[in-house]
Amino acid sequence: YELNCPSCGKPLKKCDDFTVQNKAFKGAVKCRKCRRTYWAFVRAK
């Protein structure tokens, strides 16, 4: 699943494997353009 930076909209790079937390997939992602790193929480219903 492709994740895009909430600041610039560019594709994010996954830093490690995702885990499951509170019915959501949680993982670290990085934007190479903004040089920002985020925790991404993805809920798929």
PDB file of all heavy atoms in Angstrom:
ATOM      1  N   TYR A   1       0.840  -1.195   0.000  1.00  0.00           N
ATOM      2  CA  TYR A   1       0.000   0.000   0.000  1.00  0.00           C
ATOM      3  C   TYR A   1       0.873   1.243   0.000  1.00  0.00           C
ATOM      4  O   TYR A   1       1.775   1.390   0.829  1.00  0.00           O
ATOM      5  CB  TYR A   1      -0.912   0.001   1.228  1.00  0.00           C
ATOM      6  CG  TYR A   1      -1.905   1.135   1.252  1.00  0.00           C
ATOM      7  CD1 TYR A   1      -2.998   1.148   0.404  1.00  0.00           C
ATOM      8  CD2 TYR A   1      -1.733   2.217   2.126  1.00  0.00           C
ATOM      9  CE1 TYR A   1      -3.917   2.178   0.417  1.00  0.00           C
ATOM     10  CE2 TYR A   1      -2.647   3.245   2.150  1.00  0.00           C
ATOM     11  CZ  TYR A   1      -3.738   3.228   1.289  1.00  0.00           C
ATOM     12  OH  TYR A   1      -4.632   4.262   1.295  1.00  0.00           O
ATOM     13  N   GLU A   2       0.640   2.146  -0.934  1.00  0.00           N
ATOM     14  CA  GLU A   2       1.467   3.347  -1.066  1.00  0.00           C
ATOM     15  C   GLU A   2       0.988   4.444  -0.130  1.00  0.00           C
ATOM     16  O   GLU A   2      -0.186   4.803  -0.109  1.00  0.00           O
ATOM     17  CB  GLU A   2       1.443   3.861  -2.507  1.00  0.00           C
ATOM     18  CG  GLU A   2       2.381   5.048  -2.746  1.00  0.00           C
ATOM     19  CD  GLU A   2       2.440   5.477  -4.199  1.00  0.00           C
ATOM     20  OE1 GLU A   2       3.014   4.732  -5.016  1.00  0.00           O
ATOM     21  OE2 GLU A   2       1.890   6.551  -4.519  1.00  0.00           O
ATOM     22  N   LEU A   3       1.923   4.983   0.629  1.00  0.00           N
ATOM     23  CA  LEU A   3       1.641   6.093   1.541  1.00  0.00           C
ATOM     24  C   LEU A   3       2.325   7.349   1.033  1.00  0.00           C
ATOM     25  O   LEU A   3       3.474   7.306   0.581  1.00  0.00           O
ATOM     26  CB  LEU A   3       2.149   5.760   2.946  1.00  0.00           C
ATOM     27  CG  LEU A   3       1.449   4.586   3.645  1.00  0.00           C
ATOM     28  CD1 LEU A   3       2.228   4.154   4.865  1.00  0.00           C
ATOM     29  CD2 LEU A   3       0.032   4.976   4.029  1.00  0.00           C
ATOM     30  N   ASN A   4       1.621   8.467   1.112  1.00  0.00           N
ATOM     31  CA  ASN A   4       2.155   9.734   0.634  1.00  0.00           C
ATOM     32  C   ASN A   4       2.336  10.722   1.777  1.00  0.00           C
ATOM     33  O   ASN A   4       1.560  10.718   2.746  1.00  0.00           O
ATOM     34  CB  ASN A   4       1.235  10.342  -0.430  1.00  0.00           C
ATOM     35  CG  ASN A   4       1.136   9.472  -1.664  1.00  0.00           C
ATOM     36  OD1 ASN A   4       2.150   8.984  -2.168  1.00  0.00           O
ATOM     37  ND2 ASN A   4      -0.083   9.261  -2.146  1.00  0.00           N
ATOM     38  N   CYS A   5       3.343  11.536   1.663  1.00  0.00           N
ATOM     39  CA  CYS A   5       3.688  12.504   2.707  1.00  0.00           C
ATOM     40  C   CYS A   5       2.531  13.470   2.941  1.00  0.00           C
ATOM     41  O   CYS A   5       1.994  14.045   1.995  1.00  0.00           O
ATOM     42  CB  CYS A   5       4.948  13.273   2.291  1.00  0.00           C
ATOM     43  SG  CYS A   5       5.432  14.554   3.471  1.00  0.00           S
ATOM     44  N   PRO A   6       2.156  13.677   4.192  1.00  0.00           N
ATOM     45  CA  PRO A   6       1.060  14.607   4.484  1.00  0.00           C
ATOM     46  C   PRO A   6       1.442  16.064   4.235  1.00  0.00           C
ATOM     47  O   PRO A   6       0.570  16.927   4.147  1.00  0.00           O
ATOM     48  CB  PRO A   6       0.780  14.366   5.976  1.00  0.00           C
ATOM     49  CG  PRO A   6       2.067  13.848   6.523  1.00  0.00           C
ATOM     50  CD  PRO A   6       2.674  13.036   5.418  1.00  0.00           C
ATOM     51  N   SER A   7       2.763  16.350   4.076  1.00  0.00           N
ATOM     52  CA  SER A   7       3.215  17.729   3.848  1.00  0.00           C
ATOM     53  C   SER A   7       3.344  18.056   2.365  1.00  0.00           C
ATOM     54  O   SER A   7       2.813  19.061   1.888  1.00  0.00           O
ATOM     55  CB  SER A   7       4.551  17.971   4.549  1.00  0.00           C
ATOM     56  OG  SER A   7       4.409  17.827   5.945  1.00  0.00           O
ATOM     57  N   CYS A   8       4.053  17.180   1.631  1.00  0.00           N
ATOM     58  CA  CYS A   8       4.318  17.483   0.217  1.00  0.00           C
ATOM     59  C   CYS A   8       3.606  16.558  -0.759  1.00  0.00           C
ATOM     60  O   CYS A   8       3.588  16.827  -1.963  1.00  0.00           O
ATOM     61  CB  CYS A   8       5.817  17.454  -0.045  1.00  0.00           C
ATOM     62  SG  CYS A   8       6.536  15.793   0.054  1.00  0.00           S
ATOM     63  N   GLY A   9       3.061  15.475  -0.273  1.00  0.00           N
ATOM     64  CA  GLY A   9       2.328  14.565  -1.137  1.00  0.00           C
ATOM     65  C   GLY A   9       3.178  13.543  -1.863  1.00  0.00           C
ATOM     66  O   GLY A   9       2.655  12.710  -2.608  1.00  0.00           O
ATOM     67  N   LYS A  10       4.495  13.568  -1.670  1.00  0.00           N
ATOM     68  CA  LYS A  10       5.377  12.623  -2.329  1.00  0.00           C
ATOM     69  C   LYS A  10       5.304  11.251  -1.640  1.00  0.00           C
ATOM     70  O   LYS A  10       4.982  11.159  -0.450  1.00  0.00           O
ATOM     71  CB  LYS A  10       6.813  13.130  -2.304  1.00  0.00           C
ATOM     72  CG  LYS A  10       7.041  14.418  -3.106  1.00  0.00           C
ATOM     73  CD  LYS A  10       6.825  14.185  -4.593  1.00  0.00           C
ATOM     74  CE  LYS A  10       7.112  15.454  -5.391  1.00  0.00           C
ATOM     75  NZ  LYS A  10       6.905  15.242  -6.846  1.00  0.00           N
ATOM     76  N   PRO A  11       5.640  10.175  -2.383  1.00  0.00           N
ATOM     77  CA  PRO A  11       5.609   8.836  -1.782  1.00  0.00           C
ATOM     78  C   PRO A  11       6.569   8.733  -0.600  1.00  0.00           C
ATOM     79  O   PRO A  11       7.664   9.292  -0.605  1.00  0.00           O
ATOM     80  CB  PRO A  11       6.053   7.921  -2.931  1.00  0.00           C
ATOM     81  CG  PRO A  11       5.697   8.676  -4.169  1.00  0.00           C
ATOM     82  CD  PRO A  11       5.939  10.119  -3.834  1.00  0.00           C
ATOM     83  N   LEU A  12       6.131   8.017   0.419  1.00  0.00           N
ATOM     84  CA  LEU A  12       6.936   7.802   1.613  1.00  0.00           C
ATOM     85  C   LEU A  12       7.650   6.460   1.529  1.00  0.00           C
ATOM     86  O   LEU A  12       7.136   5.499   0.947  1.00  0.00           O
ATOM     87  CB  LEU A  12       6.047   7.829   2.856  1.00  0.00           C
ATOM     88  CG  LEU A  12       5.425   9.189   3.218  1.00  0.00           C
ATOM     89  CD1 LEU A  12       4.286   8.990   4.213  1.00  0.00           C
ATOM     90  CD2 LEU A  12       6.465  10.142   3.772  1.00  0.00           C
ATOM     91  N   LYS A  13       8.816   6.399   2.149  1.00  0.00           N
ATOM     92  CA  LYS A  13       9.583   5.161   2.206  1.00  0.00           C
ATOM     93  C   LYS A  13       9.358   4.509   3.564  1.00  0.00           C
ATOM     94  O   LYS A  13       9.483   5.151   4.604  1.00  0.00           O
ATOM     95  CB  LYS A  13      11.079   5.441   2.014  1.00  0.00           C
ATOM     96  CG  LYS A  13      11.941   4.198   2.126  1.00  0.00           C
ATOM     97  CD  LYS A  13      13.419   4.551   2.075  1.00  0.00           C
ATOM     98  CE  LYS A  13      14.285   3.313   2.287  1.00  0.00           C
ATOM     99  NZ  LYS A  13      15.730   3.644   2.288  1.00  0.00           N
ATOM    100  N   LYS A  14       9.041   3.224   3.546  1.00  0.00           N
ATOM    101  CA  LYS A  14       8.861   2.487   4.796  1.00  0.00           C
ATOM    102  C   LYS A  14      10.230   2.192   5.408  1.00  0.00           C
ATOM    103  O   LYS A  14      11.128   1.690   4.741  1.00  0.00           O
ATOM    104  CB  LYS A  14       8.094   1.195   4.535  1.00  0.00           C
ATOM    105  CG  LYS A  14       6.656   1.411   4.064  1.00  0.00           C
ATOM    106  CD  LYS A  14       5.937   0.083   3.858  1.00  0.00           C
ATOM    107  CE  LYS A  14       4.475   0.295   3.495  1.00  0.00           C
ATOM    108  NZ  LYS A  14       4.291   0.895   2.178  1.00  0.00           N
ATOM    109  N   CYS A  15      10.399   2.513   6.680  1.00  0.00           N
ATOM    110  CA  CYS A  15      11.687   2.360   7.363  1.00  0.00           C
ATOM    111  C   CYS A  15      11.869   0.966   7.967  1.00  0.00           C
ATOM    112  O   CYS A  15      13.005   0.505   8.130  1.00  0.00           O
ATOM    113  CB  CYS A  15      11.833   3.408   8.454  1.00  0.00           C
ATOM    114  SG  CYS A  15      11.769   5.111   7.844  1.00  0.00           S
ATOM    115  N   ASP A  16      10.770   0.327   8.355  1.00  0.00           N
ATOM    116  CA  ASP A  16      10.863  -1.010   8.926  1.00  0.00           C
ATOM    117  C   ASP A  16       9.529  -1.711   8.733  1.00  0.00           C
ATOM    118  O   ASP A  16       8.610  -1.174   8.102  1.00  0.00           O
ATOM    119  CB  ASP A  16      11.255  -0.956  10.409  1.00  0.00           C
ATOM    120  CG  ASP A  16      10.283  -0.122  11.241  1.00  0.00           C
ATOM    121  OD1 ASP A  16       9.220   0.274  10.689  1.00  0.00           O
ATOM    122  OD2 ASP A  16      10.551   0.132  12.421  1.00  0.00           O
ATOM    123  N   ASP A  17       9.414  -2.913   9.261  1.00  0.00           N
ATOM    124  CA  ASP A  17       8.173  -3.671   9.122  1.00  0.00           C
ATOM    125  C   ASP A  17       7.069  -3.039   9.960  1.00  0.00           C
ATOM    126  O   ASP A  17       7.316  -2.529  11.065  1.00  0.00           O
ATOM    127  CB  ASP A  17       8.386  -5.118   9.569  1.00  0.00           C
ATOM    128  CG  ASP A  17       9.313  -5.875   8.631  1.00  0.00           C
ATOM    129  OD1 ASP A  17       9.402  -5.473   7.444  1.00  0.00           O
ATOM    130  OD2 ASP A  17       9.942  -6.853   9.081  1.00  0.00           O
ATOM    131  N   PHE A  18       5.860  -3.107   9.443  1.00  0.00           N
ATOM    132  CA  PHE A  18       4.702  -2.612  10.175  1.00  0.00           C
ATOM    133  C   PHE A  18       4.285  -3.638  11.234  1.00  0.00           C
ATOM    134  O   PHE A  18       4.519  -4.840  11.092  1.00  0.00           O
ATOM    135  CB  PHE A  18       3.536  -2.350   9.222  1.00  0.00           C
ATOM    136  CG  PHE A  18       3.546  -0.986   8.597  1.00  0.00           C
ATOM    137  CD1 PHE A  18       4.559  -0.604   7.726  1.00  0.00           C
ATOM    138  CD2 PHE A  18       2.547  -0.075   8.890  1.00  0.00           C
ATOM    139  CE1 PHE A  18       4.567   0.646   7.150  1.00  0.00           C
ATOM    140  CE2 PHE A  18       2.545   1.182   8.319  1.00  0.00           C
ATOM    141  CZ  PHE A  18       3.558   1.557   7.449  1.00  0.00           C
ATOM    142  N   THR A  19       3.672  -3.143  12.287  1.00  0.00           N
ATOM    143  CA  THR A  19       3.082  -3.993  13.316  1.00  0.00           C
ATOM    144  C   THR A  19       1.597  -3.650  13.411  1.00  0.00           C
ATOM    145  O   THR A  19       1.124  -2.725  12.747  1.00  0.00           O
ATOM    146  CB  THR A  19       3.753  -3.764  14.677  1.00  0.00           C
ATOM    147  OG1 THR A  19       3.604  -2.372  15.051  1.00  0.00           O
ATOM    148  CG2 THR A  19       5.243  -4.112  14.618  1.00  0.00           C
ATOM    149  N   VAL A  20       0.872  -4.382  14.239  1.00  0.00           N
ATOM    150  CA  VAL A  20      -0.552  -4.107  14.433  1.00  0.00           C
ATOM    151  C   VAL A  20      -0.765  -3.566  15.832  1.00  0.00           C
ATOM    152  O   VAL A  20      -0.298  -4.147  16.815  1.00  0.00           O
ATOM    153  CB  VAL A  20      -1.401  -5.375  14.228  1.00  0.00           C
ATOM    154  CG1 VAL A  20      -2.871  -5.088  14.557  1.00  0.00           C
ATOM    155  CG2 VAL A  20      -1.268  -5.881  12.806  1.00  0.00           C
ATOM    156  N   GLN A  21      -1.469  -2.421  15.912  1.00  0.00           N
ATOM    157  CA  GLN A  21      -1.735  -1.788  17.202  1.00  0.00           C
ATOM    158  C   GLN A  21      -3.132  -1.193  17.177  1.00  0.00           C
ATOM    159  O   GLN A  21      -3.446  -0.370  16.325  1.00  0.00           O
ATOM    160  CB  GLN A  21      -0.702  -0.690  17.473  1.00  0.00           C
ATOM    161  CG  GLN A  21      -0.899   0.056  18.792  1.00  0.00           C
ATOM    162  CD  GLN A  21       0.177   1.103  19.006  1.00  0.00           C
ATOM    163  OE1 GLN A  21       1.361   0.799  18.985  1.00  0.00           O
ATOM    164  NE2 GLN A  21      -0.235   2.338  19.224  1.00  0.00           N
ATOM    165  N   ASN A  22      -3.977  -1.621  18.098  1.00  0.00           N
ATOM    166  CA  ASN A  22      -5.352  -1.104  18.200  1.00  0.00           C
ATOM    167  C   ASN A  22      -6.092  -1.166  16.861  1.00  0.00           C
ATOM    168  O   ASN A  22      -6.685  -0.179  16.409  1.00  0.00           O
ATOM    169  CB  ASN A  22      -5.350   0.335  18.733  1.00  0.00           C
ATOM    170  CG  ASN A  22      -4.820   0.434  20.136  1.00  0.00           C
ATOM    171  OD1 ASN A  22      -5.002  -0.472  20.946  1.00  0.00           O
ATOM    172  ND2 ASN A  22      -4.129   1.528  20.443  1.00  0.00           N
ATOM    173  N   LYS A  23      -6.026  -2.334  16.217  1.00  0.00           N
ATOM    174  CA  LYS A  23      -6.710  -2.596  14.946  1.00  0.00           C
ATOM    175  C   LYS A  23      -6.206  -1.720  13.801  1.00  0.00           C
ATOM    176  O   LYS A  23      -6.921  -1.504  12.813  1.00  0.00           O
ATOM    177  CB  LYS A  23      -8.231  -2.438  15.106  1.00  0.00           C
ATOM    178  CG  LYS A  23      -8.843  -3.447  16.069  1.00  0.00           C
ATOM    179  CD  LYS A  23     -10.344  -3.309  16.116  1.00  0.00           C
ATOM    180  CE  LYS A  23     -10.941  -4.351  17.076  1.00  0.00           C
ATOM    181  NZ  LYS A  23     -12.415  -4.265  17.138  1.00  0.00           N
ATOM    182  N   ALA A  24      -4.989  -1.221  13.941  1.00  0.00           N
ATOM    183  CA  ALA A  24      -4.379  -0.420  12.874  1.00  0.00           C
ATOM    184  C   ALA A  24      -2.970  -0.935  12.618  1.00  0.00           C
ATOM    185  O   ALA A  24      -2.300  -1.446  13.518  1.00  0.00           O
ATOM    186  CB  ALA A  24      -4.332   1.054  13.256  1.00  0.00           C
ATOM    187  N   PHE A  25      -2.528  -0.806  11.382  1.00  0.00           N
ATOM    188  CA  PHE A  25      -1.141  -1.110  11.044  1.00  0.00           C
ATOM    189  C   PHE A  25      -0.300   0.117  11.404  1.00  0.00           C
ATOM    190  O   PHE A  25      -0.631   1.244  11.023  1.00  0.00           O
ATOM    191  CB  PHE A  25      -1.001  -1.423   9.557  1.00  0.00           C
ATOM    192  CG  PHE A  25      -1.715  -2.677   9.129  1.00  0.00           C
ATOM    193  CD1 PHE A  25      -2.952  -2.607   8.509  1.00  0.00           C
ATOM    194  CD2 PHE A  25      -1.151  -3.925   9.356  1.00  0.00           C
ATOM    195  CE1 PHE A  25      -3.615  -3.761   8.108  1.00  0.00           C
ATOM    196  CE2 PHE A  25      -1.809  -5.087   8.968  1.00  0.00           C
ATOM    197  CZ  PHE A  25      -3.047  -5.000   8.343  1.00  0.00           C
ATOM    198  N   LYS A  26       0.784  -0.112  12.142  1.00  0.00           N
ATOM    199  CA  LYS A  26       1.644   0.983  12.572  1.00  0.00           C
ATOM    200  C   LYS A  26       3.061   0.741  12.063  1.00  0.00           C
ATOM    201  O   LYS A  26       3.609  -0.356  12.163  1.00  0.00           O
ATOM    202  CB  LYS A  26       1.666   1.094  14.096  1.00  0.00           C
ATOM    203  CG  LYS A  26       2.633   2.166  14.615  1.00  0.00           C
ATOM    204  CD  LYS A  26       2.748   2.113  16.139  1.00  0.00           C
ATOM    205  CE  LYS A  26       3.781   3.126  16.639  1.00  0.00           C
ATOM    206  NZ  LYS A  26       3.947   3.061  18.117  1.00  0.00           N
ATOM    207  N   GLY A  27       3.646   1.810  11.495  1.00  0.00           N
ATOM    208  CA  GLY A  27       5.014   1.685  11.008  1.00  0.00           C
ATOM    209  C   GLY A  27       5.664   3.039  10.811  1.00  0.00           C
ATOM    210  O   GLY A  27       4.998   4.076  10.702  1.00  0.00           O
ATOM    211  N   ALA A  28       7.010   3.039  10.786  1.00  0.00           N
ATOM    212  CA  ALA A  28       7.774   4.271  10.567  1.00  0.00           C
ATOM    213  C   ALA A  28       7.981   4.471   9.066  1.00  0.00           C
ATOM    214  O   ALA A  28       8.342   3.541   8.344  1.00  0.00           O
ATOM    215  CB  ALA A  28       9.115   4.194  11.279  1.00  0.00           C
ATOM    216  N   VAL A  29       7.761   5.703   8.613  1.00  0.00           N
ATOM    217  CA  VAL A  29       7.936   6.045   7.199  1.00  0.00           C
ATOM    218  C   VAL A  29       8.682   7.379   7.105  1.00  0.00           C
ATOM    219  O   VAL A  29       8.612   8.217   8.007  1.00  0.00           O
ATOM    220  CB  VAL A  29       6.580   6.148   6.466  1.00  0.00           C
ATOM    221  CG1 VAL A  29       5.906   4.787   6.370  1.00  0.00           C
ATOM    222  CG2 VAL A  29       5.638   7.139   7.170  1.00  0.00           C
ATOM    223  N   LYS A  30       9.392   7.559   5.969  1.00  0.00           N
ATOM    224  CA  LYS A  30      10.208   8.753   5.816  1.00  0.00           C
ATOM    225  C   LYS A  30       9.956   9.410   4.469  1.00  0.00           C
ATOM    226  O   LYS A  30       9.811   8.726   3.451  1.00  0.00           O
ATOM    227  CB  LYS A  30      11.692   8.403   5.940  1.00  0.00           C
ATOM    228  CG  LYS A  30      12.626   9.604   5.814  1.00  0.00           C
ATOM    229  CD  LYS A  30      14.079   9.176   5.973  1.00  0.00           C
ATOM    230  CE  LYS A  30      15.009  10.381   5.850  1.00  0.00           C
ATOM    231  NZ  LYS A  30      16.437   9.979   6.004  1.00  0.00           N
ATOM    232  N   CYS A  31       9.919  10.745   4.485  1.00  0.00           N
ATOM    233  CA  CYS A  31       9.808  11.515   3.241  1.00  0.00           C
ATOM    234  C   CYS A  31      11.207  12.020   2.873  1.00  0.00           C
ATOM    235  O   CYS A  31      11.810  12.802   3.621  1.00  0.00           O
ATOM    236  CB  CYS A  31       8.849  12.693   3.403  1.00  0.00           C
ATOM    237  SG  CYS A  31       8.702  13.705   1.909  1.00  0.00           S
ATOM    238  N   ARG A  32      11.705  11.589   1.725  1.00  0.00           N
ATOM    239  CA  ARG A  32      13.043  11.996   1.311  1.00  0.00           C
ATOM    240  C   ARG A  32      13.090  13.467   0.932  1.00  0.00           C
ATOM    241  O   ARG A  32      14.136  14.126   1.070  1.00  0.00           O
ATOM    242  CB  ARG A  32      13.489  11.139   0.127  1.00  0.00           C
ATOM    243  CG  ARG A  32      13.727   9.664   0.511  1.00  0.00           C
ATOM    244  CD  ARG A  32      14.055   8.825  -0.695  1.00  0.00           C
ATOM    245  NE  ARG A  32      14.358   7.449  -0.303  1.00  0.00           N
ATOM    246  CZ  ARG A  32      14.602   6.474  -1.173  1.00  0.00           C
ATOM    247  NH1 ARG A  32      14.547   6.728  -2.484  1.00  0.00           N
ATOM    248  NH2 ARG A  32      14.879   5.258  -0.744  1.00  0.00           N
ATOM    249  N   LYS A  33      11.987  14.001   0.438  1.00  0.00           N
ATOM    250  CA  LYS A  33      11.981  15.411   0.037  1.00  0.00           C
ATOM    251  C   LYS A  33      11.920  16.325   1.262  1.00  0.00           C
ATOM    252  O   LYS A  33      12.705  17.279   1.379  1.00  0.00           O
ATOM    253  CB  LYS A  33      10.799  15.693  -0.880  1.00  0.00           C
ATOM    254  CG  LYS A  33      10.750  17.139  -1.360  1.00  0.00           C
ATOM    255  CD  LYS A  33       9.579  17.403  -2.293  1.00  0.00           C
ATOM    256  CE  LYS A  33       9.550  18.869  -2.735  1.00  0.00           C
ATOM    257  NZ  LYS A  33       8.420  19.160  -3.638  1.00  0.00           N
ATOM    258  N   CYS A  34      11.001  16.057   2.166  1.00  0.00           N
ATOM    259  CA  CYS A  34      10.841  16.908   3.352  1.00  0.00           C
ATOM    260  C   CYS A  34      11.850  16.571   4.445  1.00  0.00           C
ATOM    261  O   CYS A  34      12.021  17.346   5.389  1.00  0.00           O
ATOM    262  CB  CYS A  34       9.430  16.759   3.919  1.00  0.00           C
ATOM    263  SG  CYS A  34       8.114  17.294   2.808  1.00  0.00           S
ATOM    264  N   ARG A  35      12.467  15.409   4.334  1.00  0.00           N
ATOM    265  CA  ARG A  35      13.377  14.904   5.357  1.00  0.00           C
ATOM    266  C   ARG A  35      12.678  14.807   6.719  1.00  0.00           C
ATOM    267  O   ARG A  35      13.237  15.131   7.756  1.00  0.00           O
ATOM    268  CB  ARG A  35      14.631  15.798   5.458  1.00  0.00           C
ATOM    269  CG  ARG A  35      15.501  15.750   4.206  1.00  0.00           C
ATOM    270  CD  ARG A  35      16.777  16.531   4.392  1.00  0.00           C
ATOM    271  NE  ARG A  35      17.658  16.353   3.255  1.00  0.00           N
ATOM    272  CZ  ARG A  35      18.488  15.334   3.077  1.00  0.00           C
ATOM    273  NH1 ARG A  35      18.552  14.395   3.992  1.00  0.00           N
ATOM    274  NH2 ARG A  35      19.265  15.257   2.006  1.00  0.00           N
ATOM    275  N   ARG A  36      11.463  14.354   6.667  1.00  0.00           N
ATOM    276  CA  ARG A  36      10.690  14.156   7.892  1.00  0.00           C
ATOM    277  C   ARG A  36      10.366  12.673   8.033  1.00  0.00           C
ATOM    278  O   ARG A  36      10.161  11.963   7.043  1.00  0.00           O
ATOM    279  CB  ARG A  36       9.385  14.955   7.861  1.00  0.00           C
ATOM    280  CG  ARG A  36       9.583  16.467   7.903  1.00  0.00           C
ATOM    281  CD  ARG A  36       8.251  17.179   7.849  1.00  0.00           C
ATOM    282  NE  ARG A  36       8.402  18.628   7.936  1.00  0.00           N
ATOM    283  CZ  ARG A  36       7.394  19.491   7.861  1.00  0.00           C
ATOM    284  NH1 ARG A  36       6.150  19.036   7.702  1.00  0.00           N
ATOM    285  NH2 ARG A  36       7.607  20.788   7.949  1.00  0.00           N
ATOM    286  N   THR A  37      10.323  12.247   9.282  1.00  0.00           N
ATOM    287  CA  THR A  37       9.984  10.851   9.576  1.00  0.00           C
ATOM    288  C   THR A  37       8.692  10.830  10.387  1.00  0.00           C
ATOM    289  O   THR A  37       8.505  11.638  11.300  1.00  0.00           O
ATOM    290  CB  THR A  37      11.121  10.173  10.367  1.00  0.00           C
ATOM    291  OG1 THR A  37      12.345  10.302   9.629  1.00  0.00           O
ATOM    292  CG2 THR A  37      10.815   8.697  10.576  1.00  0.00           C
ATOM    293  N   TYR A  38       7.808   9.916  10.037  1.00  0.00           N
ATOM    294  CA  TYR A  38       6.487   9.849  10.671  1.00  0.00           C
ATOM    295  C   TYR A  38       6.197   8.440  11.185  1.00  0.00           C
ATOM    296  O   TYR A  38       6.729   7.445  10.667  1.00  0.00           O
ATOM    297  CB  TYR A  38       5.381  10.199   9.664  1.00  0.00           C
ATOM    298  CG  TYR A  38       5.482  11.556   9.031  1.00  0.00           C
ATOM    299  CD1 TYR A  38       6.163  11.736   7.823  1.00  0.00           C
ATOM    300  CD2 TYR A  38       4.869  12.659   9.617  1.00  0.00           C
ATOM    301  CE1 TYR A  38       6.232  12.983   7.222  1.00  0.00           C
ATOM    302  CE2 TYR A  38       4.931  13.918   9.019  1.00  0.00           C
ATOM    303  CZ  TYR A  38       5.611  14.066   7.829  1.00  0.00           C
ATOM    304  OH  TYR A  38       5.677  15.305   7.231  1.00  0.00           O
ATOM    305  N   TRP A  39       5.336   8.409  12.161  1.00  0.00           N
ATOM    306  CA  TRP A  39       4.640   7.172  12.479  1.00  0.00           C
ATOM    307  C   TRP A  39       3.377   7.173  11.630  1.00  0.00           C
ATOM    308  O   TRP A  39       2.610   8.144  11.647  1.00  0.00           O
ATOM    309  CB  TRP A  39       4.262   7.094  13.954  1.00  0.00           C
ATOM    310  CG  TRP A  39       5.396   6.853  14.906  1.00  0.00           C
ATOM    311  CD1 TRP A  39       5.856   7.699  15.868  1.00  0.00           C
ATOM    312  CD2 TRP A  39       6.205   5.675  14.989  1.00  0.00           C
ATOM    313  NE1 TRP A  39       6.905   7.149  16.549  1.00  0.00           N
ATOM    314  CE2 TRP A  39       7.144   5.899  16.020  1.00  0.00           C
ATOM    315  CE3 TRP A  39       6.247   4.477  14.289  1.00  0.00           C
ATOM    316  CZ2 TRP A  39       8.098   4.956  16.369  1.00  0.00           C
ATOM    317  CZ3 TRP A  39       7.195   3.535  14.636  1.00  0.00           C
ATOM    318  CH2 TRP A  39       8.107   3.766  15.665  1.00  0.00           C
ATOM    319  N   ALA A  40       3.173   6.119  10.890  1.00  0.00           N
ATOM    320  CA  ALA A  40       1.960   5.997  10.070  1.00  0.00           C
ATOM    321  C   ALA A  40       1.021   4.982  10.715  1.00  0.00           C
ATOM    322  O   ALA A  40       1.448   3.891  11.098  1.00  0.00           O
ATOM    323  CB  ALA A  40       2.318   5.558   8.656  1.00  0.00           C
ATOM    324  N   PHE A  41      -0.231   5.359  10.849  1.00  0.00           N
ATOM    325  CA  PHE A  41      -1.262   4.475  11.384  1.00  0.00           C
ATOM    326  C   PHE A  41      -2.300   4.268  10.273  1.00  0.00           C
ATOM    327  O   PHE A  41      -2.931   5.230   9.820  1.00  0.00           O
ATOM    328  CB  PHE A  41      -1.931   5.078  12.619  1.00  0.00           C
ATOM    329  CG  PHE A  41      -0.978   5.306  13.760  1.00  0.00           C
ATOM    330  CD1 PHE A  41      -0.256   6.497  13.865  1.00  0.00           C
ATOM    331  CD2 PHE A  41      -0.792   4.331  14.731  1.00  0.00           C
ATOM    332  CE1 PHE A  41       0.620   6.713  14.913  1.00  0.00           C
ATOM    333  CE2 PHE A  41       0.087   4.539  15.789  1.00  0.00           C
ATOM    334  CZ  PHE A  41       0.808   5.738  15.877  1.00  0.00           C
ATOM    335  N   VAL A  42      -2.456   3.048   9.846  1.00  0.00           N
ATOM    336  CA  VAL A  42      -3.337   2.743   8.711  1.00  0.00           C
ATOM    337  C   VAL A  42      -4.426   1.775   9.159  1.00  0.00           C
ATOM    338  O   VAL A  42      -4.133   0.663   9.612  1.00  0.00           O
ATOM    339  CB  VAL A  42      -2.544   2.117   7.543  1.00  0.00           C
ATOM    340  CG1 VAL A  42      -3.472   1.863   6.354  1.00  0.00           C
ATOM    341  CG2 VAL A  42      -1.383   3.021   7.129  1.00  0.00           C
ATOM    342  N   ARG A  43      -5.679   2.207   9.048  1.00  0.00           N
ATOM    343  CA  ARG A  43      -6.818   1.340   9.365  1.00  0.00           C
ATOM    344  C   ARG A  43      -7.496   0.940   8.054  1.00  0.00           C
ATOM    345  O   ARG A  43      -7.868   1.802   7.255  1.00  0.00           O
ATOM    346  CB  ARG A  43      -7.837   2.052  10.252  1.00  0.00           C
ATOM    347  CG  ARG A  43      -7.383   2.212  11.694  1.00  0.00           C
ATOM    348  CD  ARG A  43      -8.493   2.838  12.527  1.00  0.00           C
ATOM    349  NE  ARG A  43      -8.088   3.071  13.898  1.00  0.00           N
ATOM    350  CZ  ARG A  43      -8.215   2.196  14.879  1.00  0.00           C
ATOM    351  NH1 ARG A  43      -8.756   1.018  14.619  1.00  0.00           N
ATOM    352  NH2 ARG A  43      -7.834   2.476  16.101  1.00  0.00           N
ATOM    353  N   ALA A  44      -7.649  -0.344   7.848  1.00  0.00           N
ATOM    354  CA  ALA A  44      -8.316  -0.873   6.654  1.00  0.00           C
ATOM    355  C   ALA A  44      -9.593  -1.584   7.092  1.00  0.00           C
ATOM    356  O   ALA A  44      -9.541  -2.613   7.763  1.00  0.00           O
ATOM    357  CB  ALA A  44      -7.396  -1.831   5.911  1.00  0.00           C
ATOM    358  N   LYS A  45     -10.742  -1.025   6.715  1.00  0.00           N
ATOM    359  CA  LYS A  45     -12.029  -1.583   7.131  1.00  0.00           C
ATOM    360  C   LYS A  45     -12.697  -2.274   5.954  1.00  0.00           C
ATOM    361  O   LYS A  45     -12.941  -1.652   4.914  1.00  0.00           O
ATOM    362  CB  LYS A  45     -12.933  -0.469   7.673  1.00  0.00           C
ATOM    363  CG  LYS A  45     -14.211  -0.966   8.326  1.00  0.00           C
ATOM    364  CD  LYS A  45     -14.972   0.212   8.928  1.00  0.00           C
ATOM    365  CE  LYS A  45     -16.167  -0.251   9.740  1.00  0.00           C
ATOM    366  NZ  LYS A  45     -16.889   0.884  10.353  1.00  0.00           N
TER     367      LYS A  45
END
